Amino acid sequence: MVRRAQIKKWSTIILCSLLLIMMISLEACTQEKPQPSSQIFSSSGPRLMYLHRSANYKIAVFNVEKESKKAGKVTTTITQEFEFISAGLNGVFTPAGENTLASVVWQLGDVAPGGKVEIELKLRGKARGRARIDSKLTFSEATLRTATLETKIIGVPAMHISSYDTEDPVEIGKQTIYVIEAQNEGTSPCTNVTLESKIPKEMEFVSAEGPEDFKHNAGLIHFEPFPILHPGEKLTYKVVCKALKAGSAKHTATLTFDQFEQPLIDEEGTSCYE
């Protein structure tokens, strides 16, 4: 009986020891392991920008070590798609050279333990494409970190249509010319620019001219699409009409292009008299 009791006692002790070891191991697994001390360096800003618009970028330095970091310095290079506007914290800007990119340098001084430095950089998109900001961080201890950020710069298509008549009022039997102008006032090309001209019922079609061929059917003139109209370029169309009867005539020009879902409409009124 004594031996059986001793065996039972030692079994209980061993079981409790095993349970205790398992609990300690489980707690160690669930606790967050300490991360190695390191220098944190990052850059942030928009990934998409419209041409000729500006945006703010931020560069952050965070010292998570227990000792101060000495003589911090950030150097950022800017690709040619960007135009420099301003830099916070007394950043010194150097324009691009023949074989060098534009750059900005910040002298941060010492960064205390737990200290954070945020730098603001303002840039404008001056050319379409993928622009890049490359930054590097150094300290007197030769610690080096890099951060890269890309921004896609895109243009905006924006067509404007206007029209006028060369004779107003116009006498019955006489002619007037409707001049329609379509200009790309945006910052990216417009494709398949198409114009339709609707002749007023008080007039009859005489002739037309434009950058592409046209077809006339029952008072509607359809010009073939102009393939591509670059920013700043303009198309001119002319539609010659003869007044048939007195009244308030209204000419309608309708413009469409691939980059805009709705048609652009411009109207021009002409008084016809006997």
C-alpha atoms as a PDB file:
ATOM      1  CA  MET A   1       0.000   0.000   0.000  1.00  0.00           C
ATOM      2  CA  VAL A   2       2.834   2.406   0.907  1.00  0.00           C
ATOM      3  CA  ARG A   3       4.629   1.761  -2.364  1.00  0.00           C
ATOM      4  CA  ARG A   4       1.404   2.226  -4.344  1.00  0.00           C
ATOM      5  CA  ALA A   5       0.794   5.562  -2.573  1.00  0.00           C
ATOM      6  CA  GLN A   6       4.342   6.726  -3.348  1.00  0.00           C
ATOM      7  CA  ILE A   7       3.910   5.852  -7.020  1.00  0.00           C
ATOM      8  CA  LYS A   8       0.655   7.794  -7.121  1.00  0.00           C
ATOM      9  CA  LYS A   9       2.318  10.789  -5.402  1.00  0.00           C
ATOM     10  CA  TRP A  10       5.225  10.895  -7.865  1.00  0.00           C
ATOM     11  CA  SER A  11       2.867  10.474 -10.832  1.00  0.00           C
ATOM     12  CA  THR A  12       0.904  13.507  -9.662  1.00  0.00           C
ATOM     13  CA  ILE A  13       4.098  15.561  -9.266  1.00  0.00           C
ATOM     14  CA  ILE A  14       5.313  14.643 -12.747  1.00  0.00           C
ATOM     15  CA  LEU A  15       1.931  15.422 -14.318  1.00  0.00           C
ATOM     16  CA  CYS A  16       1.786  18.841 -12.631  1.00  0.00           C
ATOM     17  CA  SER A  17       5.343  19.587 -13.791  1.00  0.00           C
ATOM     18  CA  LEU A  18       4.464  18.727 -17.366  1.00  0.00           C
ATOM     19  CA  LEU A  19       1.374  20.944 -17.238  1.00  0.00           C
ATOM     20  CA  LEU A  20       3.435  23.820 -15.854  1.00  0.00           C
ATOM     21  CA  ILE A  21       6.016  23.438 -18.631  1.00  0.00           C
ATOM     22  CA  MET A  22       3.270  23.440 -21.268  1.00  0.00           C
ATOM     23  CA  MET A  23       1.696  26.606 -19.841  1.00  0.00           C
ATOM     24  CA  ILE A  24       5.038  28.420 -19.800  1.00  0.00           C
ATOM     25  CA  SER A  25       5.733  27.378 -23.411  1.00  0.00           C
ATOM     26  CA  LEU A  26       2.272  28.494 -24.559  1.00  0.00           C
ATOM     27  CA  GLU A  27       2.666  31.901 -22.920  1.00  0.00           C
ATOM     28  CA  ALA A  28       6.058  32.360 -24.567  1.00  0.00           C
ATOM     29  CA  CYS A  29       4.562  31.602 -27.983  1.00  0.00           C
ATOM     30  CA  THR A  30       1.680  34.033 -27.620  1.00  0.00           C
ATOM     31  CA  GLN A  31       3.781  36.956 -26.436  1.00  0.00           C
ATOM     32  CA  GLU A  32       5.065  39.351 -29.117  1.00  0.00           C
ATOM     33  CA  LYS A  33       8.718  38.782 -29.717  1.00  0.00           C
ATOM     34  CA  PRO A  34      10.905  41.876 -29.462  1.00  0.00           C
ATOM     35  CA  GLN A  35      11.885  43.230 -32.865  1.00  0.00           C
ATOM     36  CA  PRO A  36      15.502  43.938 -33.635  1.00  0.00           C
ATOM     37  CA  SER A  37      16.479  47.590 -33.313  1.00  0.00           C
ATOM     38  CA  SER A  38      16.644  49.305 -36.710  1.00  0.00           C
ATOM     39  CA  GLN A  39      16.395  52.633 -38.492  1.00  0.00           C
ATOM     40  CA  ILE A  40      12.980  53.313 -40.056  1.00  0.00           C
ATOM     41  CA  PHE A  41      12.969  55.379 -43.265  1.00  0.00           C
ATOM     42  CA  SER A  42      10.028  55.832 -45.650  1.00  0.00           C
ATOM     43  CA  SER A  43       8.529  58.100 -48.290  1.00  0.00           C
ATOM     44  CA  SER A  44       4.859  58.608 -49.128  1.00  0.00           C
ATOM     45  CA  GLY A  45       2.790  60.512 -51.658  1.00  0.00           C
ATOM     46  CA  PRO A  46       0.301  60.100 -54.506  1.00  0.00           C
ATOM     47  CA  ARG A  47       0.782  57.227 -56.939  1.00  0.00           C
ATOM     48  CA  LEU A  48      -1.204  59.096 -59.617  1.00  0.00           C
ATOM     49  CA  MET A  49      -0.940  62.772 -60.593  1.00  0.00           C
ATOM     50  CA  TYR A  50      -2.448  64.896 -63.366  1.00  0.00           C
ATOM     51  CA  LEU A  51      -0.113  66.853 -65.607  1.00  0.00           C
ATOM     52  CA  HIS A  52       0.533  70.445 -64.419  1.00  0.00           C
ATOM     53  CA  ARG A  53      -0.958  69.671 -60.990  1.00  0.00           C
ATOM     54  CA  SER A  54       1.051  69.730 -57.765  1.00  0.00           C
ATOM     55  CA  ALA A  55       1.181  67.315 -54.825  1.00  0.00           C
ATOM     56  CA  ASN A  56       2.852  66.971 -51.432  1.00  0.00           C
ATOM     57  CA  TYR A  57       5.266  64.159 -50.592  1.00  0.00           C
ATOM     58  CA  LYS A  58       6.511  63.158 -47.151  1.00  0.00           C
ATOM     59  CA  ILE A  59       9.774  61.578 -46.074  1.00  0.00           C
ATOM     60  CA  ALA A  60       9.892  60.167 -42.527  1.00  0.00           C
ATOM     61  CA  VAL A  61      12.858  59.209 -40.325  1.00  0.00           C
ATOM     62  CA  PHE A  62      12.236  57.380 -37.019  1.00  0.00           C
ATOM     63  CA  ASN A  63      14.965  56.368 -34.572  1.00  0.00           C
ATOM     64  CA  VAL A  64      13.858  53.265 -32.657  1.00  0.00           C
ATOM     65  CA  GLU A  65      17.265  52.618 -31.140  1.00  0.00           C
ATOM     66  CA  LYS A  66      18.313  53.435 -27.577  1.00  0.00           C
ATOM     67  CA  GLU A  67      21.041  55.819 -28.648  1.00  0.00           C
ATOM     68  CA  SER A  68      20.969  59.062 -30.626  1.00  0.00           C
ATOM     69  CA  LYS A  69      21.852  58.915 -34.283  1.00  0.00           C
ATOM     70  CA  LYS A  70      24.363  61.583 -35.224  1.00  0.00           C
ATOM     71  CA  ALA A  71      24.499  63.984 -38.185  1.00  0.00           C
ATOM     72  CA  GLY A  72      21.476  62.696 -40.079  1.00  0.00           C
ATOM     73  CA  LYS A  73      21.287  63.575 -43.767  1.00  0.00           C
ATOM     74  CA  VAL A  74      18.605  62.873 -46.383  1.00  0.00           C
ATOM     75  CA  THR A  75      19.336  63.182 -50.103  1.00  0.00           C
ATOM     76  CA  THR A  76      16.496  62.905 -52.628  1.00  0.00           C
ATOM     77  CA  THR A  77      16.809  62.790 -56.413  1.00  0.00           C
ATOM     78  CA  ILE A  78      13.874  63.746 -58.626  1.00  0.00           C
ATOM     79  CA  THR A  79      13.351  62.499 -62.184  1.00  0.00           C
ATOM     80  CA  GLN A  80      12.755  64.917 -65.060  1.00  0.00           C
ATOM     81  CA  GLU A  81       8.959  64.393 -65.101  1.00  0.00           C
ATOM     82  CA  PHE A  82       8.756  66.475 -61.897  1.00  0.00           C
ATOM     83  CA  GLU A  83       9.099  70.201 -61.338  1.00  0.00           C
ATOM     84  CA  PHE A  84      10.380  71.269 -57.912  1.00  0.00           C
ATOM     85  CA  ILE A  85       8.191  73.732 -55.979  1.00  0.00           C
ATOM     86  CA  SER A  86       9.320  73.744 -52.336  1.00  0.00           C
ATOM     87  CA  ALA A  87      10.959  71.721 -49.564  1.00  0.00           C
ATOM     88  CA  GLY A  88      10.383  71.912 -45.807  1.00  0.00           C
ATOM     89  CA  LEU A  89      13.042  71.858 -43.071  1.00  0.00           C
ATOM     90  CA  ASN A  90      15.364  74.098 -45.090  1.00  0.00           C
ATOM     91  CA  GLY A  91      15.945  71.565 -47.825  1.00  0.00           C
ATOM     92  CA  VAL A  92      18.530  72.711 -50.373  1.00  0.00           C
ATOM     93  CA  PHE A  93      17.465  72.229 -53.994  1.00  0.00           C
ATOM     94  CA  THR A  94      19.953  71.659 -56.825  1.00  0.00           C
ATOM     95  CA  PRO A  95      18.601  71.786 -60.420  1.00  0.00           C
ATOM     96  CA  ALA A  96      19.304  68.985 -62.861  1.00  0.00           C
ATOM     97  CA  GLY A  97      22.574  69.106 -64.739  1.00  0.00           C
ATOM     98  CA  GLU A  98      23.601  67.718 -68.082  1.00  0.00           C
ATOM     99  CA  ASN A  99      24.147  64.253 -66.634  1.00  0.00           C
ATOM    100  CA  THR A 100      22.567  64.558 -63.179  1.00  0.00           C
ATOM    101  CA  LEU A 101      19.044  64.586 -61.829  1.00  0.00           C
ATOM    102  CA  ALA A 102      17.632  67.390 -59.712  1.00  0.00           C
ATOM    103  CA  SER A 103      18.112  66.808 -55.997  1.00  0.00           C
ATOM    104  CA  VAL A 104      17.170  68.074 -52.545  1.00  0.00           C
ATOM    105  CA  VAL A 105      19.384  67.676 -49.446  1.00  0.00           C
ATOM    106  CA  TRP A 106      18.303  67.988 -45.809  1.00  0.00           C
ATOM    107  CA  GLN A 107      20.733  68.191 -42.887  1.00  0.00           C
ATOM    108  CA  LEU A 108      18.773  66.666 -39.991  1.00  0.00           C
ATOM    109  CA  GLY A 109      21.377  66.853 -37.251  1.00  0.00           C
ATOM    110  CA  ASP A 110      21.034  64.372 -34.374  1.00  0.00           C
ATOM    111  CA  VAL A 111      17.911  62.239 -34.003  1.00  0.00           C
ATOM    112  CA  ALA A 112      17.203  61.313 -30.383  1.00  0.00           C
ATOM    113  CA  PRO A 113      16.034  57.834 -29.299  1.00  0.00           C
ATOM    114  CA  GLY A 114      12.360  57.528 -30.216  1.00  0.00           C
ATOM    115  CA  GLY A 115      12.649  60.740 -32.225  1.00  0.00           C
ATOM    116  CA  LYS A 116      10.848  61.236 -35.529  1.00  0.00           C
ATOM    117  CA  VAL A 117      11.572  63.687 -38.317  1.00  0.00           C
ATOM    118  CA  GLU A 118       9.056  64.393 -41.101  1.00  0.00           C
ATOM    119  CA  ILE A 119      10.040  66.230 -44.252  1.00  0.00           C
ATOM    120  CA  GLU A 120       7.591  67.745 -46.743  1.00  0.00           C
ATOM    121  CA  LEU A 121       8.388  68.039 -50.441  1.00  0.00           C
ATOM    122  CA  LYS A 122       6.085  69.733 -52.964  1.00  0.00           C
ATOM    123  CA  LEU A 123       6.365  68.815 -56.644  1.00  0.00           C
ATOM    124  CA  ARG A 124       4.434  69.487 -59.857  1.00  0.00           C
ATOM    125  CA  GLY A 125       3.974  67.117 -62.783  1.00  0.00           C
ATOM    126  CA  LYS A 126       5.517  68.649 -65.898  1.00  0.00           C
ATOM    127  CA  ALA A 127       5.676  65.651 -68.250  1.00  0.00           C
ATOM    128  CA  ARG A 128       3.590  62.526 -68.737  1.00  0.00           C
ATOM    129  CA  GLY A 129       5.159  59.244 -67.669  1.00  0.00           C
ATOM    130  CA  ARG A 130       6.417  57.420 -64.583  1.00  0.00           C
ATOM    131  CA  ALA A 131       8.159  59.847 -62.263  1.00  0.00           C
ATOM    132  CA  ARG A 132      10.359  58.619 -59.421  1.00  0.00           C
ATOM    133  CA  ILE A 133      11.696  59.957 -56.139  1.00  0.00           C
ATOM    134  CA  ASP A 134      14.767  58.175 -54.771  1.00  0.00           C
ATOM    135  CA  SER A 135      15.824  59.044 -51.231  1.00  0.00           C
ATOM    136  CA  LYS A 136      18.708  57.895 -49.062  1.00  0.00           C
ATOM    137  CA  LEU A 137      19.393  58.424 -45.357  1.00  0.00           C
ATOM    138  CA  THR A 138      22.862  58.491 -43.826  1.00  0.00           C
ATOM    139  CA  PHE A 139      24.342  59.166 -40.391  1.00  0.00           C
ATOM    140  CA  SER A 140      27.887  59.762 -39.215  1.00  0.00           C
ATOM    141  CA  GLU A 141      27.999  56.081 -38.233  1.00  0.00           C
ATOM    142  CA  ALA A 142      27.576  55.307 -41.954  1.00  0.00           C
ATOM    143  CA  THR A 143      24.055  53.906 -41.460  1.00  0.00           C
ATOM    144  CA  LEU A 144      22.366  53.823 -44.877  1.00  0.00           C
ATOM    145  CA  ARG A 145      18.691  53.415 -45.720  1.00  0.00           C
ATOM    146  CA  THR A 146      16.921  53.990 -49.053  1.00  0.00           C
ATOM    147  CA  ALA A 147      13.310  54.671 -50.038  1.00  0.00           C
ATOM    148  CA  THR A 148      11.772  54.899 -53.507  1.00  0.00           C
ATOM    149  CA  LEU A 149       8.371  56.197 -54.605  1.00  0.00           C
ATOM    150  CA  GLU A 150       6.883  56.197 -58.117  1.00  0.00           C
ATOM    151  CA  THR A 151       4.106  58.454 -59.386  1.00  0.00           C
ATOM    152  CA  LYS A 152       2.353  58.033 -62.720  1.00  0.00           C
ATOM    153  CA  ILE A 153       1.706  61.421 -64.330  1.00  0.00           C
ATOM    154  CA  ILE A 154      -1.185  61.459 -66.793  1.00  0.00           C
ATOM    155  CA  GLY A 155      -2.796  64.102 -68.961  1.00  0.00           C
ATOM    156  CA  VAL A 156      -6.443  65.139 -69.210  1.00  0.00           C
ATOM    157  CA  PRO A 157      -8.238  65.368 -72.574  1.00  0.00           C
ATOM    158  CA  ALA A 158     -10.485  68.439 -72.865  1.00  0.00           C
ATOM    159  CA  MET A 159     -12.091  69.465 -76.154  1.00  0.00           C
ATOM    160  CA  HIS A 160     -13.745  72.843 -76.742  1.00  0.00           C
ATOM    161  CA  ILE A 161     -16.132  73.558 -79.614  1.00  0.00           C
ATOM    162  CA  SER A 162     -17.325  76.946 -80.840  1.00  0.00           C
ATOM    163  CA  SER A 163     -19.050  78.223 -83.985  1.00  0.00           C
ATOM    164  CA  TYR A 164     -20.089  81.470 -85.671  1.00  0.00           C
ATOM    165  CA  ASP A 165     -21.764  82.580 -88.913  1.00  0.00           C
ATOM    166  CA  THR A 166     -20.117  84.948 -91.368  1.00  0.00           C
ATOM    167  CA  GLU A 167     -23.376  86.689 -92.380  1.00  0.00           C
ATOM    168  CA  ASP A 168     -26.155  87.469 -89.889  1.00  0.00           C
ATOM    169  CA  PRO A 169     -28.801  88.488 -90.781  1.00  0.00           C
ATOM    170  CA  VAL A 170     -28.785  86.904 -94.202  1.00  0.00           C
ATOM    171  CA  GLU A 171     -31.161  87.758 -97.045  1.00  0.00           C
ATOM    172  CA  ILE A 172     -33.159  85.009 -98.728  1.00  0.00           C
ATOM    173  CA  GLY A 173     -31.205  83.705-101.702  1.00  0.00           C
ATOM    174  CA  LYS A 174     -27.883  84.763-100.152  1.00  0.00           C
ATOM    175  CA  GLN A 175     -25.319  82.616 -98.401  1.00  0.00           C
ATOM    176  CA  THR A 176     -23.704  82.420 -94.991  1.00  0.00           C
ATOM    177  CA  ILE A 177     -20.871  80.237 -93.760  1.00  0.00           C
ATOM    178  CA  TYR A 178     -20.931  78.413 -90.448  1.00  0.00           C
ATOM    179  CA  VAL A 179     -17.377  78.161 -89.136  1.00  0.00           C
ATOM    180  CA  ILE A 180     -16.886  75.496 -86.463  1.00  0.00           C
ATOM    181  CA  GLU A 181     -13.673  75.277 -84.440  1.00  0.00           C
ATOM    182  CA  ALA A 182     -12.700  72.335 -82.241  1.00  0.00           C
ATOM    183  CA  GLN A 183      -9.623  72.716 -80.047  1.00  0.00           C
ATOM    184  CA  ASN A 184      -7.900  70.354 -77.624  1.00  0.00           C
ATOM    185  CA  GLU A 185      -7.512  72.482 -74.493  1.00  0.00           C
ATOM    186  CA  GLY A 186      -6.420  69.540 -72.360  1.00  0.00           C
ATOM    187  CA  THR A 187      -3.053  67.980 -71.605  1.00  0.00           C
ATOM    188  CA  SER A 188      -3.354  64.679 -73.478  1.00  0.00           C
ATOM    189  CA  PRO A 189      -4.309  63.712 -77.051  1.00  0.00           C
ATOM    190  CA  CYS A 190      -7.924  63.242 -78.151  1.00  0.00           C
ATOM    191  CA  THR A 191      -8.614  60.503 -80.687  1.00  0.00           C
ATOM    192  CA  ASN A 192     -11.279  59.971 -83.358  1.00  0.00           C
ATOM    193  CA  VAL A 193     -12.544  63.541 -83.200  1.00  0.00           C
ATOM    194  CA  THR A 194     -15.796  63.550 -85.186  1.00  0.00           C
ATOM    195  CA  LEU A 195     -18.037  66.466 -86.178  1.00  0.00           C
ATOM    196  CA  GLU A 196     -21.637  66.532 -87.400  1.00  0.00           C
ATOM    197  CA  SER A 197     -23.265  69.686 -88.740  1.00  0.00           C
ATOM    198  CA  LYS A 198     -27.057  70.017 -88.856  1.00  0.00           C
ATOM    199  CA  ILE A 199     -28.373  72.538 -91.381  1.00  0.00           C
ATOM    200  CA  PRO A 200     -31.369  74.696 -90.304  1.00  0.00           C
ATOM    201  CA  LYS A 201     -34.649  73.981 -92.082  1.00  0.00           C
ATOM    202  CA  GLU A 202     -34.698  77.604 -93.275  1.00  0.00           C
ATOM    203  CA  MET A 203     -31.556  76.910 -95.336  1.00  0.00           C
ATOM    204  CA  GLU A 204     -30.145  74.501 -97.874  1.00  0.00           C
ATOM    205  CA  PHE A 205     -26.676  72.947 -98.027  1.00  0.00           C
ATOM    206  CA  VAL A 206     -24.228  74.393-100.577  1.00  0.00           C
ATOM    207  CA  SER A 207     -20.773  73.014 -99.709  1.00  0.00           C
ATOM    208  CA  ALA A 208     -18.454  72.093 -96.855  1.00  0.00           C
ATOM    209  CA  GLU A 209     -14.779  71.685 -96.067  1.00  0.00           C
ATOM    210  CA  GLY A 210     -12.792  70.327 -93.157  1.00  0.00           C
ATOM    211  CA  PRO A 211      -9.728  68.328 -92.154  1.00  0.00           C
ATOM    212  CA  GLU A 212     -11.386  65.053 -93.300  1.00  0.00           C
ATOM    213  CA  ASP A 213     -13.880  63.982 -95.975  1.00  0.00           C
ATOM    214  CA  PHE A 214     -17.600  64.402 -95.353  1.00  0.00           C
ATOM    215  CA  LYS A 215     -20.983  63.003 -96.380  1.00  0.00           C
ATOM    216  CA  HIS A 216     -24.198  65.014 -96.728  1.00  0.00           C
ATOM    217  CA  ASN A 217     -27.625  63.481 -96.239  1.00  0.00           C
ATOM    218  CA  ALA A 218     -30.914  65.348 -95.741  1.00  0.00           C
ATOM    219  CA  GLY A 219     -29.369  68.410 -94.128  1.00  0.00           C
ATOM    220  CA  LEU A 220     -26.871  66.500 -91.968  1.00  0.00           C
ATOM    221  CA  ILE A 221     -23.162  66.733 -92.754  1.00  0.00           C
ATOM    222  CA  HIS A 222     -20.989  64.027 -91.226  1.00  0.00           C
ATOM    223  CA  PHE A 223     -17.202  64.549 -91.250  1.00  0.00           C
ATOM    224  CA  GLU A 224     -14.976  61.496 -91.010  1.00  0.00           C
ATOM    225  CA  PRO A 225     -13.097  61.090 -87.679  1.00  0.00           C
ATOM    226  CA  PHE A 226      -9.835  62.978 -87.267  1.00  0.00           C
ATOM    227  CA  PRO A 227      -7.416  60.318 -85.908  1.00  0.00           C
ATOM    228  CA  ILE A 228      -5.550  62.198 -83.185  1.00  0.00           C
ATOM    229  CA  LEU A 229      -5.607  65.808 -81.979  1.00  0.00           C
ATOM    230  CA  HIS A 230      -2.716  66.769 -79.714  1.00  0.00           C
ATOM    231  CA  PRO A 231      -2.946  69.303 -76.865  1.00  0.00           C
ATOM    232  CA  GLY A 232      -3.180  72.862 -78.182  1.00  0.00           C
ATOM    233  CA  GLU A 233      -4.109  71.819 -81.734  1.00  0.00           C
ATOM    234  CA  LYS A 234      -7.278  73.042 -83.457  1.00  0.00           C
ATOM    235  CA  LEU A 235      -9.550  71.789 -86.242  1.00  0.00           C
ATOM    236  CA  THR A 236     -11.590  74.149 -88.434  1.00  0.00           C
ATOM    237  CA  TYR A 237     -14.714  73.184 -90.377  1.00  0.00           C
ATOM    238  CA  LYS A 238     -16.764  75.337 -92.771  1.00  0.00           C
ATOM    239  CA  VAL A 239     -20.330  74.702 -93.906  1.00  0.00           C
ATOM    240  CA  VAL A 240     -21.805  76.959 -96.594  1.00  0.00           C
ATOM    241  CA  CYS A 241     -25.612  77.391 -96.577  1.00  0.00           C
ATOM    242  CA  LYS A 242     -28.154  79.435 -98.582  1.00  0.00           C
ATOM    243  CA  ALA A 243     -31.201  81.024 -96.976  1.00  0.00           C
ATOM    244  CA  LEU A 244     -34.490  79.678 -98.381  1.00  0.00           C
ATOM    245  CA  LYS A 245     -37.180  81.299 -96.244  1.00  0.00           C
ATOM    246  CA  ALA A 246     -37.526  83.950 -93.575  1.00  0.00           C
ATOM    247  CA  GLY A 247     -37.274  82.941 -89.945  1.00  0.00           C
ATOM    248  CA  SER A 248     -34.938  82.204 -87.015  1.00  0.00           C
ATOM    249  CA  ALA A 249     -32.520  79.585 -88.244  1.00  0.00           C
ATOM    250  CA  LYS A 250     -30.437  77.506 -85.830  1.00  0.00           C
ATOM    251  CA  HIS A 251     -27.348  75.577 -86.844  1.00  0.00           C
ATOM    252  CA  THR A 252     -26.214  72.722 -84.564  1.00  0.00           C
ATOM    253  CA  ALA A 253     -22.670  71.326 -84.400  1.00  0.00           C
ATOM    254  CA  THR A 254     -22.081  68.082 -82.513  1.00  0.00           C
ATOM    255  CA  LEU A 255     -18.589  66.901 -81.555  1.00  0.00           C
ATOM    256  CA  THR A 256     -17.558  63.494 -80.198  1.00  0.00           C
ATOM    257  CA  PHE A 257     -14.212  61.878 -79.321  1.00  0.00           C
ATOM    258  CA  ASP A 258     -13.050  58.665 -77.658  1.00  0.00           C
ATOM    259  CA  GLN A 259     -12.063  60.104 -74.293  1.00  0.00           C
ATOM    260  CA  PHE A 260     -15.471  61.637 -73.470  1.00  0.00           C
ATOM    261  CA  GLU A 261     -18.722  59.709 -73.237  1.00  0.00           C
ATOM    262  CA  GLN A 262     -21.132  62.587 -73.977  1.00  0.00           C
ATOM    263  CA  PRO A 263     -21.355  64.629 -77.215  1.00  0.00           C
ATOM    264  CA  LEU A 264     -20.395  68.305 -77.118  1.00  0.00           C
ATOM    265  CA  ILE A 265     -23.010  70.544 -78.743  1.00  0.00           C
ATOM    266  CA  ASP A 266     -22.726  74.134 -79.966  1.00  0.00           C
ATOM    267  CA  GLU A 267     -25.547  76.122 -81.577  1.00  0.00           C
ATOM    268  CA  GLU A 268     -25.460  79.264 -83.671  1.00  0.00           C
ATOM    269  CA  GLY A 269     -28.566  81.305 -84.545  1.00  0.00           C
ATOM    270  CA  THR A 270     -29.026  83.207 -87.829  1.00  0.00           C
ATOM    271  CA  SER A 271     -31.858  85.553 -88.821  1.00  0.00           C
ATOM    272  CA  CYS A 272     -33.137  85.018 -92.381  1.00  0.00           C
ATOM    273  CA  TYR A 273     -35.171  87.838 -94.007  1.00  0.00           C
ATOM    274  CA  GLU A 274     -36.765  88.757 -97.318  1.00  0.00           C
END
